[in-house]
């Protein structure tokens, strides 16, 4: 997945690595996200709790596999109810002056896992999350740029 954001790279990096910012954009508009743990360092863990409109809590967790400040993040991703189906996410943050392009590559352990993620609505969810990130960056950028 690729997306260009109208914000400097440091601000986009912060949105990916600071709990108070992640909680404002990660997930769907109809859900709320609570960052329970976020240790942004190689070997560090994270855990997000997402509550849907019915009150059901969905837990996601992973471990950081690469951290190169403002350049790249690597981490595993696992939806806890589907334990064992772990995805490797690698995100790069490209500096384009007052804009930042992110490139996110997901590596699955099997075609079945990839197809399951796609069929779960992941593409729609990622697009909606990035829309909310765009909105957050615009709000924050007004006071930063």
Protein backbone atom coordinates (compact mmCIF):
# COMPACT_ATOMS: atom_id res chain seq x y z
CA UNK A 1 0.00 0.00 0.00
CA UNK A 2 1.19 3.50 -0.77
CA UNK A 3 -0.15 6.84 0.40
CA UNK A 4 1.06 10.44 0.18
CA UNK A 5 0.37 12.67 3.18
CA UNK A 6 0.50 16.46 3.24
CA UNK A 7 2.74 16.56 6.31
CA UNK A 8 6.46 16.49 7.06
CA UNK A 9 8.04 13.10 7.64
CA UNK A 10 8.68 13.66 11.36
CA UNK A 11 4.99 14.32 11.97
CA UNK A 12 3.94 11.19 10.04
CA UNK A 13 6.53 9.15 11.94
CA UNK A 14 5.17 10.49 15.23
CA UNK A 15 1.65 9.49 14.20
CA UNK A 16 2.86 5.90 13.81
CA UNK A 17 4.95 5.79 16.97
CA UNK A 18 3.12 7.82 19.64
CA UNK A 19 0.19 6.22 21.44
CA UNK A 20 -1.85 9.41 21.80
CA UNK A 21 -1.71 9.93 18.03
CA UNK A 22 -2.28 6.29 17.04
CA UNK A 23 -5.47 6.18 19.09
CA UNK A 24 -6.91 8.97 16.93
CA UNK A 25 -6.48 7.31 13.55
CA UNK A 26 -5.83 3.56 13.79
CA UNK A 27 -8.91 1.48 12.91
CA UNK A 28 -12.33 2.27 11.56
CA UNK A 29 -14.33 5.43 12.26
CA UNK A 30 -16.98 3.29 13.96
CA UNK A 31 -14.47 1.95 16.50
CA UNK A 32 -12.33 3.36 19.28
CA UNK A 33 -8.74 2.28 19.75
CA UNK A 34 -6.81 2.11 23.00
CA UNK A 35 -3.05 1.58 22.87
CA UNK A 36 -2.35 -0.73 25.78
CA UNK A 37 1.38 -1.15 25.06
CA UNK A 38 3.76 0.54 22.61
CA UNK A 39 7.49 -0.09 22.94
CA UNK A 40 8.97 1.36 19.75
CA UNK A 41 12.33 -0.42 19.68
CA UNK A 42 13.56 -3.62 18.08
CA UNK A 43 12.08 -6.43 20.16
CA UNK A 44 9.55 -4.06 21.73
CA UNK A 45 5.94 -5.14 21.92
CA UNK A 46 2.68 -3.41 21.12
CA UNK A 47 -0.94 -4.21 21.83
CA UNK A 48 -4.01 -2.31 20.64
CA UNK A 49 -7.58 -2.82 21.86
CA UNK A 50 -10.29 -1.80 19.46
CA UNK A 51 -13.91 -1.52 20.61
CA UNK A 52 -16.65 -1.77 17.99
CA UNK A 53 -20.14 -0.20 18.26
CA UNK A 54 -21.56 -3.32 19.93
CA UNK A 55 -18.96 -3.11 22.70
CA UNK A 56 -16.95 -6.07 21.44
CA UNK A 57 -13.22 -5.62 22.02
CA UNK A 58 -10.79 -6.81 19.35
CA UNK A 59 -7.12 -7.19 20.34
CA UNK A 60 -4.13 -6.82 18.03
CA UNK A 61 -0.51 -7.36 18.99
CA UNK A 62 2.96 -7.61 17.60
CA UNK A 63 6.65 -6.99 17.99
CA UNK A 64 8.89 -4.41 16.37
CA UNK A 65 11.45 -6.05 14.09
CA UNK A 66 13.08 -2.87 12.73
CA UNK A 67 13.11 0.75 13.91
CA UNK A 68 14.97 3.40 11.93
CA UNK A 69 13.61 6.73 13.22
CA UNK A 70 11.68 8.69 10.60
CA UNK A 71 12.83 6.29 7.86
CA UNK A 72 11.30 2.85 8.46
CA UNK A 73 9.37 0.60 10.82
CA UNK A 74 9.08 -3.16 10.74
CA UNK A 75 6.71 -5.09 12.97
CA UNK A 76 4.69 -8.24 13.19
CA UNK A 77 0.91 -8.02 13.27
CA UNK A 78 -1.45 -10.56 14.79
CA UNK A 79 -5.19 -10.45 15.45
CA UNK A 80 -5.40 -12.27 18.78
CA UNK A 81 -8.50 -14.38 18.01
CA UNK A 82 -6.58 -15.71 14.98
CA UNK A 83 -3.40 -16.47 16.93
CA UNK A 84 -0.56 -17.89 14.89
CA UNK A 85 -1.49 -16.06 11.69
CA UNK A 86 1.28 -13.48 11.87
CA UNK A 87 1.96 -10.88 9.20
CA UNK A 88 5.21 -8.95 8.81
CA UNK A 89 4.59 -5.26 8.05
CA UNK A 90 7.40 -3.07 6.74
CA UNK A 91 6.69 0.65 6.38
CA UNK A 92 9.00 3.23 4.85
CA UNK A 93 8.57 6.98 5.22
CA UNK A 94 9.79 8.89 2.16
CA UNK A 95 10.57 12.60 2.47
CA UNK A 96 8.96 14.70 -0.27
CA UNK A 97 9.54 18.11 1.27
CA UNK A 98 6.30 19.18 2.92
CA UNK A 99 4.80 15.80 2.05
CA UNK A 100 5.56 12.24 3.12
CA UNK A 101 4.94 9.09 1.15
CA UNK A 102 4.51 5.89 3.11
CA UNK A 103 4.98 2.53 1.48
CA UNK A 104 3.66 -0.42 3.50
CA UNK A 105 4.50 -3.97 2.48
CA UNK A 106 2.78 -6.89 4.18
CA UNK A 107 4.40 -10.33 4.02
CA UNK A 108 2.18 -13.31 4.78
CA UNK A 109 3.29 -16.81 5.70
CA UNK A 110 0.81 -18.35 3.25
CA UNK A 111 -1.53 -17.50 0.40
CA UNK A 112 -4.40 -18.62 2.63
CA UNK A 113 -3.43 -16.03 5.26
CA UNK A 114 -3.12 -13.32 2.61
CA UNK A 115 -6.50 -14.18 1.10
CA UNK A 116 -8.08 -14.28 4.55
CA UNK A 117 -6.78 -10.79 5.35
CA UNK A 118 -7.97 -9.39 2.03
CA UNK A 119 -11.39 -11.02 2.44
CA UNK A 120 -11.71 -9.59 5.96
CA UNK A 121 -12.04 -6.07 4.53
CA UNK A 122 -8.45 -5.06 5.34
CA UNK A 123 -8.14 -2.85 2.26
CA UNK A 124 -11.24 -0.84 3.18
CA UNK A 125 -10.11 -0.61 6.80
CA UNK A 126 -6.60 0.53 5.86
CA UNK A 127 -8.00 3.18 3.51
CA UNK A 128 -10.34 4.49 6.20
CA UNK A 129 -7.53 4.54 8.77
CA UNK A 130 -5.31 6.48 6.37
CA UNK A 131 -8.17 8.93 5.73
CA UNK A 132 -8.37 9.56 9.47
CA UNK A 133 -4.58 9.90 9.63
CA UNK A 134 -4.79 12.48 6.82
CA UNK A 135 -7.34 14.44 8.87
CA UNK A 136 -5.25 14.25 12.04
CA UNK A 137 -2.11 15.37 10.21
CA UNK A 138 -4.02 18.30 8.70
CA UNK A 139 -5.16 19.36 12.20
CA UNK A 140 -1.68 19.01 13.65
CA UNK A 141 0.07 20.42 10.61
CA UNK A 142 -1.82 23.68 10.88
CA UNK A 143 -0.02 24.36 14.15
CA UNK A 144 3.34 22.84 13.10
CA UNK A 145 3.96 24.08 9.55
